[in-house]
C-alpha atoms as a PDB file:
ATOM      1  CA  UNK A   1     -13.054   1.309 -29.912  1.00  0.00           C
ATOM      2  CA  UNK A   2     -13.307  -2.128 -30.591  1.00  0.00           C
ATOM      3  CA  UNK A   3     -14.264  -3.519 -26.873  1.00  0.00           C
ATOM      4  CA  UNK A   4     -16.376  -2.273 -24.096  1.00  0.00           C
ATOM      5  CA  UNK A   5     -19.567  -0.491 -23.697  1.00  0.00           C
ATOM      6  CA  UNK A   6     -19.372   2.107 -27.033  1.00  0.00           C
ATOM      7  CA  UNK A   7     -20.595   4.967 -24.904  1.00  0.00           C
ATOM      8  CA  UNK A   8     -18.542   4.619 -22.258  1.00  0.00           C
ATOM      9  CA  UNK A   9     -15.754   4.217 -25.175  1.00  0.00           C
ATOM     10  CA  UNK A  10     -17.151   7.370 -27.184  1.00  0.00           C
ATOM     11  CA  UNK A  11     -16.926   9.506 -23.646  1.00  0.00           C
ATOM     12  CA  UNK A  12     -12.955   8.490 -22.931  1.00  0.00           C
ATOM     13  CA  UNK A  13     -12.678   8.931 -26.487  1.00  0.00           C
ATOM     14  CA  UNK A  14     -14.179  12.650 -27.444  1.00  0.00           C
ATOM     15  CA  UNK A  15     -11.733  13.175 -23.377  1.00  0.00           C
ATOM     16  CA  UNK A  16      -9.137  12.033 -24.889  1.00  0.00           C
ATOM     17  CA  UNK A  17      -9.270  14.946 -27.661  1.00  0.00           C
ATOM     18  CA  UNK A  18     -10.995  18.083 -25.496  1.00  0.00           C
ATOM     19  CA  UNK A  19      -9.954  17.445 -21.595  1.00  0.00           C
ATOM     20  CA  UNK A  20     -12.683  16.472 -19.367  1.00  0.00           C
ATOM     21  CA  UNK A  21     -15.683  19.082 -20.066  1.00  0.00           C
ATOM     22  CA  UNK A  22     -18.873  18.862 -18.104  1.00  0.00           C
ATOM     23  CA  UNK A  23     -20.534  21.913 -20.272  1.00  0.00           C
ATOM     24  CA  UNK A  24     -19.259  21.005 -23.518  1.00  0.00           C
ATOM     25  CA  UNK A  25     -22.210  21.372 -26.159  1.00  0.00           C
ATOM     26  CA  UNK A  26     -22.189  19.075 -29.077  1.00  0.00           C
ATOM     27  CA  UNK A  27     -23.453  19.256 -32.520  1.00  0.00           C
ATOM     28  CA  UNK A  28     -23.954  16.052 -34.269  1.00  0.00           C
ATOM     29  CA  UNK A  29     -23.159  15.590 -38.584  1.00  0.00           C
ATOM     30  CA  UNK A  30     -26.352  12.910 -39.197  1.00  0.00           C
ATOM     31  CA  UNK A  31     -26.383  12.107 -42.620  1.00  0.00           C
ATOM     32  CA  UNK A  32     -29.136   9.234 -41.691  1.00  0.00           C
ATOM     33  CA  UNK A  33     -26.626   6.097 -42.293  1.00  0.00           C
ATOM     34  CA  UNK A  34     -26.613   3.805 -39.427  1.00  0.00           C
ATOM     35  CA  UNK A  35     -22.625   5.092 -38.607  1.00  0.00           C
ATOM     36  CA  UNK A  36     -23.949   8.645 -38.025  1.00  0.00           C
ATOM     37  CA  UNK A  37     -27.166   7.342 -36.052  1.00  0.00           C
ATOM     38  CA  UNK A  38     -24.859   4.892 -34.114  1.00  0.00           C
ATOM     39  CA  UNK A  39     -23.069   8.272 -33.393  1.00  0.00           C
ATOM     40  CA  UNK A  40     -25.937  10.311 -32.728  1.00  0.00           C
ATOM     41  CA  UNK A  41     -27.490   7.718 -30.260  1.00  0.00           C
ATOM     42  CA  UNK A  42     -24.421   7.251 -27.942  1.00  0.00           C
ATOM     43  CA  UNK A  43     -23.667  11.262 -27.779  1.00  0.00           C
ATOM     44  CA  UNK A  44     -27.573  11.518 -26.802  1.00  0.00           C
ATOM     45  CA  UNK A  45     -26.472   8.842 -24.264  1.00  0.00           C
ATOM     46  CA  UNK A  46     -23.117  10.036 -23.133  1.00  0.00           C
ATOM     47  CA  UNK A  47     -23.869  13.953 -23.321  1.00  0.00           C
ATOM     48  CA  UNK A  48     -28.120  14.012 -22.285  1.00  0.00           C
ATOM     49  CA  UNK A  49     -28.799  17.490 -22.772  1.00  0.00           C
ATOM     50  CA  UNK A  50     -25.824  18.367 -24.628  1.00  0.00           C
ATOM     51  CA  UNK A  51     -26.196  16.998 -28.397  1.00  0.00           C
ATOM     52  CA  UNK A  52     -28.001  18.580 -30.798  1.00  0.00           C
ATOM     53  CA  UNK A  53     -27.963  17.179 -34.527  1.00  0.00           C
ATOM     54  CA  UNK A  54     -28.113  18.496 -38.306  1.00  0.00           C
ATOM     55  CA  UNK A  55     -28.519  17.119 -41.336  1.00  0.00           C
ATOM     56  CA  UNK A  56     -27.353  18.423 -44.867  1.00  0.00           C
ATOM     57  CA  UNK A  57     -29.845  17.644 -47.967  1.00  0.00           C
ATOM     58  CA  UNK A  58     -27.928  18.271 -50.455  1.00  0.00           C
ATOM     59  CA  UNK A  59     -31.240  17.823 -52.921  1.00  0.00           C
ATOM     60  CA  UNK A  60     -28.630  15.085 -55.184  1.00  0.00           C
ATOM     61  CA  UNK A  61     -31.344  11.983 -54.557  1.00  0.00           C
ATOM     62  CA  UNK A  62     -35.149  12.294 -54.667  1.00  0.00           C
ATOM     63  CA  UNK A  63     -35.068  10.159 -51.302  1.00  0.00           C
ATOM     64  CA  UNK A  64     -32.708  12.971 -49.625  1.00  0.00           C
ATOM     65  CA  UNK A  65     -35.573  14.714 -48.313  1.00  0.00           C
ATOM     66  CA  UNK A  66     -37.294  11.742 -46.956  1.00  0.00           C
ATOM     67  CA  UNK A  67     -33.906  10.484 -45.116  1.00  0.00           C
ATOM     68  CA  UNK A  68     -33.521  13.889 -43.835  1.00  0.00           C
ATOM     69  CA  UNK A  69     -36.964  13.608 -42.125  1.00  0.00           C
ATOM     70  CA  UNK A  70     -36.544  10.414 -40.715  1.00  0.00           C
ATOM     71  CA  UNK A  71     -33.393  11.826 -38.380  1.00  0.00           C
ATOM     72  CA  UNK A  72     -35.483  14.603 -37.669  1.00  0.00           C
ATOM     73  CA  UNK A  73     -38.921  11.970 -36.609  1.00  0.00           C
ATOM     74  CA  UNK A  74     -36.404   9.958 -34.786  1.00  0.00           C
ATOM     75  CA  UNK A  75     -34.219  12.873 -32.780  1.00  0.00           C
ATOM     76  CA  UNK A  76     -38.402  14.214 -32.158  1.00  0.00           C
ATOM     77  CA  UNK A  77     -38.543  11.358 -30.246  1.00  0.00           C
ATOM     78  CA  UNK A  78     -35.282  11.096 -28.158  1.00  0.00           C
ATOM     79  CA  UNK A  79     -35.860  14.850 -27.635  1.00  0.00           C
ATOM     80  CA  UNK A  80     -32.876  15.929 -29.082  1.00  0.00           C
ATOM     81  CA  UNK A  81     -33.065  19.115 -31.777  1.00  0.00           C
ATOM     82  CA  UNK A  82     -32.757  18.546 -35.178  1.00  0.00           C
ATOM     83  CA  UNK A  83     -32.199  21.178 -37.976  1.00  0.00           C
ATOM     84  CA  UNK A  84     -32.195  20.481 -41.984  1.00  0.00           C
ATOM     85  CA  UNK A  85     -30.068  22.246 -43.855  1.00  0.00           C
ATOM     86  CA  UNK A  86     -29.750  22.885 -47.714  1.00  0.00           C
ATOM     87  CA  UNK A  87     -26.946  24.036 -50.073  1.00  0.00           C
ATOM     88  CA  UNK A  88     -27.202  27.266 -51.847  1.00  0.00           C
ATOM     89  CA  UNK A  89     -26.726  27.004 -55.758  1.00  0.00           C
ATOM     90  CA  UNK A  90     -26.453  24.417 -58.231  1.00  0.00           C
ATOM     91  CA  UNK A  91     -23.517  21.979 -58.238  1.00  0.00           C
ATOM     92  CA  UNK A  92     -19.966  22.905 -59.314  1.00  0.00           C
ATOM     93  CA  UNK A  93     -17.319  20.859 -60.709  1.00  0.00           C
ATOM     94  CA  UNK A  94     -16.779  17.758 -59.159  1.00  0.00           C
ATOM     95  CA  UNK A  95     -19.924  16.325 -57.472  1.00  0.00           C
ATOM     96  CA  UNK A  96     -18.410  14.644 -53.873  1.00  0.00           C
ATOM     97  CA  UNK A  97     -15.911  17.445 -53.662  1.00  0.00           C
ATOM     98  CA  UNK A  98     -18.782  20.029 -54.087  1.00  0.00           C
ATOM     99  CA  UNK A  99     -21.196  18.523 -51.844  1.00  0.00           C
ATOM    100  CA  UNK A 100     -18.301  18.003 -49.004  1.00  0.00           C
ATOM    101  CA  UNK A 101     -17.074  21.772 -48.933  1.00  0.00           C
ATOM    102  CA  UNK A 102     -21.002  22.730 -48.803  1.00  0.00           C
ATOM    103  CA  UNK A 103     -21.689  20.183 -46.236  1.00  0.00           C
ATOM    104  CA  UNK A 104     -18.806  21.402 -43.980  1.00  0.00           C
ATOM    105  CA  UNK A 105     -19.307  25.255 -45.088  1.00  0.00           C
ATOM    106  CA  UNK A 106     -23.744  24.928 -44.110  1.00  0.00           C
ATOM    107  CA  UNK A 107     -22.707  22.609 -40.618  1.00  0.00           C
ATOM    108  CA  UNK A 108     -19.926  25.100 -39.279  1.00  0.00           C
ATOM    109  CA  UNK A 109     -22.572  27.659 -39.787  1.00  0.00           C
ATOM    110  CA  UNK A 110     -24.778  25.899 -37.706  1.00  0.00           C
ATOM    111  CA  UNK A 111     -22.691  24.988 -35.193  1.00  0.00           C
ATOM    112  CA  UNK A 112     -22.003  28.927 -34.513  1.00  0.00           C
ATOM    113  CA  UNK A 113     -25.516  29.802 -34.454  1.00  0.00           C
ATOM    114  CA  UNK A 114     -26.731  27.325 -32.370  1.00  0.00           C
ATOM    115  CA  UNK A 115     -23.849  27.940 -29.948  1.00  0.00           C
ATOM    116  CA  UNK A 116     -21.815  24.676 -29.709  1.00  0.00           C
ATOM    117  CA  UNK A 117     -19.151  23.947 -29.001  1.00  0.00           C
ATOM    118  CA  UNK A 118     -17.848  20.985 -31.232  1.00  0.00           C
ATOM    119  CA  UNK A 119     -19.036  19.040 -34.547  1.00  0.00           C
ATOM    120  CA  UNK A 120     -18.244  15.472 -34.216  1.00  0.00           C
ATOM    121  CA  UNK A 121     -18.913  13.132 -37.355  1.00  0.00           C
ATOM    122  CA  UNK A 122     -19.061   9.747 -37.485  1.00  0.00           C
ATOM    123  CA  UNK A 123     -15.956   8.650 -39.868  1.00  0.00           C
ATOM    124  CA  UNK A 124     -14.592   5.372 -38.309  1.00  0.00           C
ATOM    125  CA  UNK A 125     -11.642   2.809 -38.841  1.00  0.00           C
ATOM    126  CA  UNK A 126     -13.011   1.510 -42.136  1.00  0.00           C
ATOM    127  CA  UNK A 127     -12.666   5.005 -43.547  1.00  0.00           C
ATOM    128  CA  UNK A 128      -9.493   5.837 -42.802  1.00  0.00           C
ATOM    129  CA  UNK A 129      -8.490   2.878 -44.190  1.00  0.00           C
ATOM    130  CA  UNK A 130      -9.962   3.692 -47.361  1.00  0.00           C
ATOM    131  CA  UNK A 131      -8.562   7.287 -47.392  1.00  0.00           C
ATOM    132  CA  UNK A 132      -4.724   5.765 -46.003  1.00  0.00           C
ATOM    133  CA  UNK A 133      -4.910   3.748 -49.458  1.00  0.00           C
ATOM    134  CA  UNK A 134      -6.404   6.125 -51.403  1.00  0.00           C
ATOM    135  CA  UNK A 135      -3.809   8.932 -50.825  1.00  0.00           C
ATOM    136  CA  UNK A 136      -0.891   6.091 -50.935  1.00  0.00           C
ATOM    137  CA  UNK A 137      -1.861   5.189 -54.219  1.00  0.00           C
ATOM    138  CA  UNK A 138      -1.363   9.331 -55.057  1.00  0.00           C
ATOM    139  CA  UNK A 139       2.049   9.118 -53.748  1.00  0.00           C
ATOM    140  CA  UNK A 140       1.055  11.406 -50.534  1.00  0.00           C
ATOM    141  CA  UNK A 141       3.649  12.050 -47.747  1.00  0.00           C
ATOM    142  CA  UNK A 142       3.600  12.522 -44.834  1.00  0.00           C
ATOM    143  CA  UNK A 143       0.598  14.975 -44.504  1.00  0.00           C
ATOM    144  CA  UNK A 144      -1.621  12.557 -46.429  1.00  0.00           C
ATOM    145  CA  UNK A 145      -0.945   9.641 -45.209  1.00  0.00           C
ATOM    146  CA  UNK A 146      -2.275  10.873 -41.734  1.00  0.00           C
ATOM    147  CA  UNK A 147      -4.995  10.527 -42.633  1.00  0.00           C
ATOM    148  CA  UNK A 148      -8.328  11.600 -41.303  1.00  0.00           C
ATOM    149  CA  UNK A 149      -7.644  13.892 -38.365  1.00  0.00           C
ATOM    150  CA  UNK A 150      -9.274  13.088 -35.138  1.00  0.00           C
ATOM    151  CA  UNK A 151      -9.338  16.398 -34.452  1.00  0.00           C
ATOM    152  CA  UNK A 152      -9.117  19.259 -36.837  1.00  0.00           C
ATOM    153  CA  UNK A 153     -10.574  22.060 -34.719  1.00  0.00           C
ATOM    154  CA  UNK A 154     -13.947  22.023 -33.594  1.00  0.00           C
ATOM    155  CA  UNK A 155     -14.203  19.062 -35.730  1.00  0.00           C
ATOM    156  CA  UNK A 156     -13.941  15.749 -33.817  1.00  0.00           C
ATOM    157  CA  UNK A 157     -14.184  12.035 -34.975  1.00  0.00           C
ATOM    158  CA  UNK A 158     -14.255  10.025 -32.308  1.00  0.00           C
ATOM    159  CA  UNK A 159     -14.915   6.773 -33.816  1.00  0.00           C
ATOM    160  CA  UNK A 160     -11.987   6.091 -36.027  1.00  0.00           C
ATOM    161  CA  UNK A 161     -10.588   3.333 -33.656  1.00  0.00           C
ATOM    162  CA  UNK A 162     -13.940   1.831 -34.372  1.00  0.00           C
ATOM    163  CA  UNK A 163     -15.453  -0.620 -36.948  1.00  0.00           C
ATOM    164  CA  UNK A 164     -17.984  -0.017 -39.495  1.00  0.00           C
ATOM    165  CA  UNK A 165     -19.675  -3.694 -38.715  1.00  0.00           C
ATOM    166  CA  UNK A 166     -19.041  -3.008 -34.900  1.00  0.00           C
ATOM    167  CA  UNK A 167     -21.598   0.649 -35.864  1.00  0.00           C
ATOM    168  CA  UNK A 168     -24.239  -1.320 -37.819  1.00  0.00           C
ATOM    169  CA  UNK A 169     -24.312  -3.755 -35.289  1.00  0.00           C
ATOM    170  CA  UNK A 170     -25.041  -1.396 -32.367  1.00  0.00           C
ATOM    171  CA  UNK A 171     -27.755   0.505 -35.073  1.00  0.00           C
ATOM    172  CA  UNK A 172     -29.333  -2.629 -35.169  1.00  0.00           C
ATOM    173  CA  UNK A 173     -29.035  -3.823 -31.231  1.00  0.00           C
ATOM    174  CA  UNK A 174     -30.461  -0.009 -30.336  1.00  0.00           C
ATOM    175  CA  UNK A 175     -33.340  -0.201 -33.110  1.00  0.00           C
ATOM    176  CA  UNK A 176     -32.210   3.014 -34.487  1.00  0.00           C
ATOM    177  CA  UNK A 177     -33.772   3.419 -38.413  1.00  0.00           C
ATOM    178  CA  UNK A 178     -31.003   4.056 -41.137  1.00  0.00           C
ATOM    179  CA  UNK A 179     -30.533   4.095 -45.058  1.00  0.00           C
ATOM    180  CA  UNK A 180     -27.916   3.247 -46.738  1.00  0.00           C
ATOM    181  CA  UNK A 181     -26.554   5.943 -49.667  1.00  0.00           C
ATOM    182  CA  UNK A 182     -26.835   4.223 -52.823  1.00  0.00           C
ATOM    183  CA  UNK A 183     -23.494   6.475 -53.631  1.00  0.00           C
ATOM    184  CA  UNK A 184     -21.354   4.630 -51.312  1.00  0.00           C
ATOM    185  CA  UNK A 185     -21.674   1.619 -53.466  1.00  0.00           C
ATOM    186  CA  UNK A 186     -21.332   3.272 -56.751  1.00  0.00           C
ATOM    187  CA  UNK A 187     -18.629   2.019 -58.086  1.00  0.00           C
ATOM    188  CA  UNK A 188     -18.171   5.895 -60.238  1.00  0.00           C
ATOM    189  CA  UNK A 189     -16.815   6.804 -57.587  1.00  0.00           C
ATOM    190  CA  UNK A 190     -13.302   6.208 -56.717  1.00  0.00           C
ATOM    191  CA  UNK A 191     -13.839   5.641 -53.104  1.00  0.00           C
ATOM    192  CA  UNK A 192     -17.071   3.056 -53.037  1.00  0.00           C
ATOM    193  CA  UNK A 193     -15.244   1.172 -56.315  1.00  0.00           C
ATOM    194  CA  UNK A 194     -12.199   0.442 -53.137  1.00  0.00           C
ATOM    195  CA  UNK A 195     -14.552  -0.474 -50.727  1.00  0.00           C
ATOM    196  CA  UNK A 196     -16.068  -2.719 -52.544  1.00  0.00           C
ATOM    197  CA  UNK A 197     -12.645  -4.282 -53.327  1.00  0.00           C
ATOM    198  CA  UNK A 198     -11.715  -3.972 -49.763  1.00  0.00           C
ATOM    199  CA  UNK A 199     -14.485  -6.586 -48.693  1.00  0.00           C
ATOM    200  CA  UNK A 200     -13.321  -9.751 -49.495  1.00  0.00           C
ATOM    201  CA  UNK A 201      -9.932  -8.747 -48.284  1.00  0.00           C
ATOM    202  CA  UNK A 202      -9.414 -10.417 -43.945  1.00  0.00           C
ATOM    203  CA  UNK A 203      -5.433 -10.530 -43.690  1.00  0.00           C
ATOM    204  CA  UNK A 204      -5.944  -6.069 -43.859  1.00  0.00           C
ATOM    205  CA  UNK A 205      -6.179  -4.854 -39.725  1.00  0.00           C
ATOM    206  CA  UNK A 206      -8.824  -1.649 -40.052  1.00  0.00           C
ATOM    207  CA  UNK A 207      -7.802  -0.466 -36.444  1.00  0.00           C
ATOM    208  CA  UNK A 208      -3.652  -1.117 -37.033  1.00  0.00           C
ATOM    209  CA  UNK A 209      -4.038   1.191 -39.816  1.00  0.00           C
ATOM    210  CA  UNK A 210      -5.425   3.661 -38.089  1.00  0.00           C
ATOM    211  CA  UNK A 211      -3.249   3.563 -35.343  1.00  0.00           C
ATOM    212  CA  UNK A 212      -0.568   4.246 -38.013  1.00  0.00           C
ATOM    213  CA  UNK A 213      -2.258   7.503 -39.574  1.00  0.00           C
ATOM    214  CA  UNK A 214      -2.640   8.533 -35.577  1.00  0.00           C
ATOM    215  CA  UNK A 215       0.990   8.014 -35.592  1.00  0.00           C
ATOM    216  CA  UNK A 216       1.877   9.852 -39.033  1.00  0.00           C
ATOM    217  CA  UNK A 217      -0.382  13.119 -37.391  1.00  0.00           C
ATOM    218  CA  UNK A 218       1.633  13.541 -34.707  1.00  0.00           C
ATOM    219  CA  UNK A 219       4.865  13.395 -37.162  1.00  0.00           C
ATOM    220  CA  UNK A 220       2.891  15.975 -39.033  1.00  0.00           C
ATOM    221  CA  UNK A 221       2.412  18.040 -36.369  1.00  0.00           C
ATOM    222  CA  UNK A 222       6.197  17.931 -35.050  1.00  0.00           C
ATOM    223  CA  UNK A 223       7.030  18.451 -38.537  1.00  0.00           C
ATOM    224  CA  UNK A 224       5.042  22.253 -38.466  1.00  0.00           C
ATOM    225  CA  UNK A 225       6.417  23.030 -35.462  1.00  0.00           C
ATOM    226  CA  UNK A 226      10.302  22.132 -36.398  1.00  0.00           C
ATOM    227  CA  UNK A 227       8.923  24.460 -39.587  1.00  0.00           C
ATOM    228  CA  UNK A 228       6.940  27.622 -37.534  1.00  0.00           C
ATOM    229  CA  UNK A 229      10.196  27.899 -35.720  1.00  0.00           C
ATOM    230  CA  UNK A 230      12.698  27.574 -38.960  1.00  0.00           C
ATOM    231  CA  UNK A 231      10.275  30.075 -40.773  1.00  0.00           C
ATOM    232  CA  UNK A 232      10.420  32.938 -37.307  1.00  0.00           C
ATOM    233  CA  UNK A 233      14.449  32.463 -37.363  1.00  0.00           C
ATOM    234  CA  UNK A 234      15.205  31.853 -41.506  1.00  0.00           C
ATOM    235  CA  UNK A 235      12.146  33.283 -43.259  1.00  0.00           C
ATOM    236  CA  UNK A 236      11.923  37.226 -44.027  1.00  0.00           C
ATOM    237  CA  UNK A 237      10.767  39.960 -46.236  1.00  0.00           C
ATOM    238  CA  UNK A 238      13.227  41.346 -48.851  1.00  0.00           C
ATOM    239  CA  UNK A 239      11.536  44.091 -51.232  1.00  0.00           C
ATOM    240  CA  UNK A 240       8.195  42.496 -52.406  1.00  0.00           C
ATOM    241  CA  UNK A 241       9.888  39.337 -51.818  1.00  0.00           C
ATOM    242  CA  UNK A 242      10.539  36.554 -49.678  1.00  0.00           C
ATOM    243  CA  UNK A 243      14.614  35.083 -48.380  1.00  0.00           C
ATOM    244  CA  UNK A 244      15.074  31.577 -46.316  1.00  0.00           C
ATOM    245  CA  UNK A 245      18.643  32.064 -45.318  1.00  0.00           C
ATOM    246  CA  UNK A 246      18.756  28.344 -44.041  1.00  0.00           C
ATOM    247  CA  UNK A 247      18.811  26.151 -47.004  1.00  0.00           C
ATOM    248  CA  UNK A 248      20.704  22.861 -45.719  1.00  0.00           C
ATOM    249  CA  UNK A 249      17.975  21.239 -44.407  1.00  0.00           C
ATOM    250  CA  UNK A 250      16.105  17.750 -44.757  1.00  0.00           C
ATOM    251  CA  UNK A 251      14.256  18.015 -48.503  1.00  0.00           C
ATOM    252  CA  UNK A 252      10.768  18.016 -45.873  1.00  0.00           C
ATOM    253  CA  UNK A 253      11.959  20.925 -44.388  1.00  0.00           C
ATOM    254  CA  UNK A 254      12.928  23.021 -47.343  1.00  0.00           C
ATOM    255  CA  UNK A 255       9.436  21.741 -49.467  1.00  0.00           C
ATOM    256  CA  UNK A 256       7.411  22.380 -46.407  1.00  0.00           C
ATOM    257  CA  UNK A 257       9.323  25.824 -45.816  1.00  0.00           C
ATOM    258  CA  UNK A 258       8.767  26.828 -50.203  1.00  0.00           C
ATOM    259  CA  UNK A 259       5.117  25.881 -49.770  1.00  0.00           C
ATOM    260  CA  UNK A 260       5.499  28.513 -46.567  1.00  0.00           C
ATOM    261  CA  UNK A 261       7.000  31.007 -49.225  1.00  0.00           C
ATOM    262  CA  UNK A 262       4.882  30.452 -52.050  1.00  0.00           C
ATOM    263  CA  UNK A 263       1.648  30.687 -50.483  1.00  0.00           C
ATOM    264  CA  UNK A 264       2.330  33.763 -48.316  1.00  0.00           C
ATOM    265  CA  UNK A 265       2.707  35.887 -51.479  1.00  0.00           C
ATOM    266  CA  UNK A 266       0.566  33.843 -53.350  1.00  0.00           C
ATOM    267  CA  UNK A 267      -2.382  32.538 -50.861  1.00  0.00           C
ATOM    268  CA  UNK A 268      -5.666  32.354 -53.739  1.00  0.00           C
ATOM    269  CA  UNK A 269      -3.544  30.344 -56.144  1.00  0.00           C
ATOM    270  CA  UNK A 270      -3.343  26.840 -56.014  1.00  0.00           C
ATOM    271  CA  UNK A 271       0.463  25.601 -54.285  1.00  0.00           C
ATOM    272  CA  UNK A 272       2.632  23.510 -56.432  1.00  0.00           C
ATOM    273  CA  UNK A 273       2.502  19.675 -55.638  1.00  0.00           C
ATOM    274  CA  UNK A 274       4.455  16.337 -55.787  1.00  0.00           C
ATOM    275  CA  UNK A 275       7.315  16.116 -58.315  1.00  0.00           C
ATOM    276  CA  UNK A 276       6.986  20.213 -59.309  1.00  0.00           C
ATOM    277  CA  UNK A 277       7.630  21.027 -55.285  1.00  0.00           C
ATOM    278  CA  UNK A 278      11.046  18.425 -55.382  1.00  0.00           C
ATOM    279  CA  UNK A 279      12.257  20.299 -59.060  1.00  0.00           C
ATOM    280  CA  UNK A 280      12.512  23.375 -57.142  1.00  0.00           C
ATOM    281  CA  UNK A 281      14.332  22.568 -54.924  1.00  0.00           C
ATOM    282  CA  UNK A 282      16.362  20.762 -56.937  1.00  0.00           C
ATOM    283  CA  UNK A 283      17.038  23.852 -59.171  1.00  0.00           C
ATOM    284  CA  UNK A 284      17.501  26.159 -56.151  1.00  0.00           C
ATOM    285  CA  UNK A 285      20.335  24.021 -54.600  1.00  0.00           C
ATOM    286  CA  UNK A 286      22.016  24.418 -57.916  1.00  0.00           C
ATOM    287  CA  UNK A 287      21.966  27.889 -57.330  1.00  0.00           C
ATOM    288  CA  UNK A 288      19.253  28.212 -60.448  1.00  0.00           C
ATOM    289  CA  UNK A 289      16.069  30.153 -61.329  1.00  0.00           C
ATOM    290  CA  UNK A 290      12.696  28.797 -61.559  1.00  0.00           C
ATOM    291  CA  UNK A 291       9.087  30.096 -61.890  1.00  0.00           C
ATOM    292  CA  UNK A 292       6.624  28.953 -59.625  1.00  0.00           C
ATOM    293  CA  UNK A 293       3.385  30.211 -61.179  1.00  0.00           C
ATOM    294  CA  UNK A 294       3.787  34.482 -61.297  1.00  0.00           C
ATOM    295  CA  UNK A 295       6.636  33.713 -59.260  1.00  0.00           C
ATOM    296  CA  UNK A 296      10.986  33.533 -59.492  1.00  0.00           C
ATOM    297  CA  UNK A 297      12.667  31.102 -57.051  1.00  0.00           C
ATOM    298  CA  UNK A 298      16.014  32.331 -57.429  1.00  0.00           C
ATOM    299  CA  UNK A 299      18.242  29.295 -55.448  1.00  0.00           C
ATOM    300  CA  UNK A 300      21.629  29.226 -54.186  1.00  0.00           C
ATOM    301  CA  UNK A 301      22.945  29.218 -50.436  1.00  0.00           C
ATOM    302  CA  UNK A 302      20.282  31.839 -49.415  1.00  0.00           C
ATOM    303  CA  UNK A 303      16.660  31.640 -51.705  1.00  0.00           C
ATOM    304  CA  UNK A 304      14.728  34.410 -52.678  1.00  0.00           C
ATOM    305  CA  UNK A 305      11.270  34.184 -53.669  1.00  0.00           C
ATOM    306  CA  UNK A 306      10.345  37.362 -55.875  1.00  0.00           C
ATOM    307  CA  UNK A 307       6.684  37.961 -57.790  1.00  0.00           C
ATOM    308  CA  UNK A 308       8.045  38.001 -61.561  1.00  0.00           C
ATOM    309  CA  UNK A 309       7.090  41.593 -63.252  1.00  0.00           C
ATOM    310  CA  UNK A 310       4.870  41.604 -65.755  1.00  0.00           C
ATOM    311  CA  UNK A 311       5.571  41.380 -69.137  1.00  0.00           C
ATOM    312  CA  UNK A 312       5.350  44.519 -71.312  1.00  0.00           C
ATOM    313  CA  UNK A 313       3.725  43.567 -75.008  1.00  0.00           C
ATOM    314  CA  UNK A 314       4.902  46.495 -77.614  1.00  0.00           C
END
């Protein structure tokens, strides 16, 4: 999306994600930064009368209320309905993780209440590059390296092919008001620190990295399709546990099937990750038993996963 009229490119990008739909209504998540303001302006021009906007004010900075008001004022002048959303309760755990969870929950509630079909966010090619590098540094597999998905449920991210610099230039040309969130350059946050390091690197092609992420996302969909089929044919209930009757499969497929088994028996528990899953697979291939939280995996030519009996204390 680096060439041509940005509004036309947005229309094409959304059509590629959801098809042609002349009646679809869009909600736009707008923080007040140049990226989301550019997206809102483009969407308003592309889908006039079918766009609303929402800003989540987390209340974490003194300026956040004024920033939400700035977006509301611009929307009023543009004839776009705007809503400011506020989280309930105090911050818990990691601040950025809490804010993200609150943001998406609030936006989804707003989307449903307003009868909107899709939620647009302004993630762009530079965001995708940062996500890929951070996950590569954590040793992520195919799913993680698929990066930010262009479509995830009702959430659409149609700007993944556009650079941040292009969005900033669009905002300036259009005379859009915008603010810069200081957390975006706060080195205490991993993403901000990485962003600062990447600022002077010219040989990395963010758009090419985005295409790689899209290819990995398609590979992820194909793998999940295969696992759906394998689970339907080879995974069955056995008492209060589960049995997998085909284990001569590539490690990645076994990994996904095993994680599904764990999730089915312990839906609220955190799944094992990385090396822990590999150790489980190796033990099962050798016909040994191994614990997975409160579960027990027994290997061999046929794997079973059962809930471990509670210990009786005397």
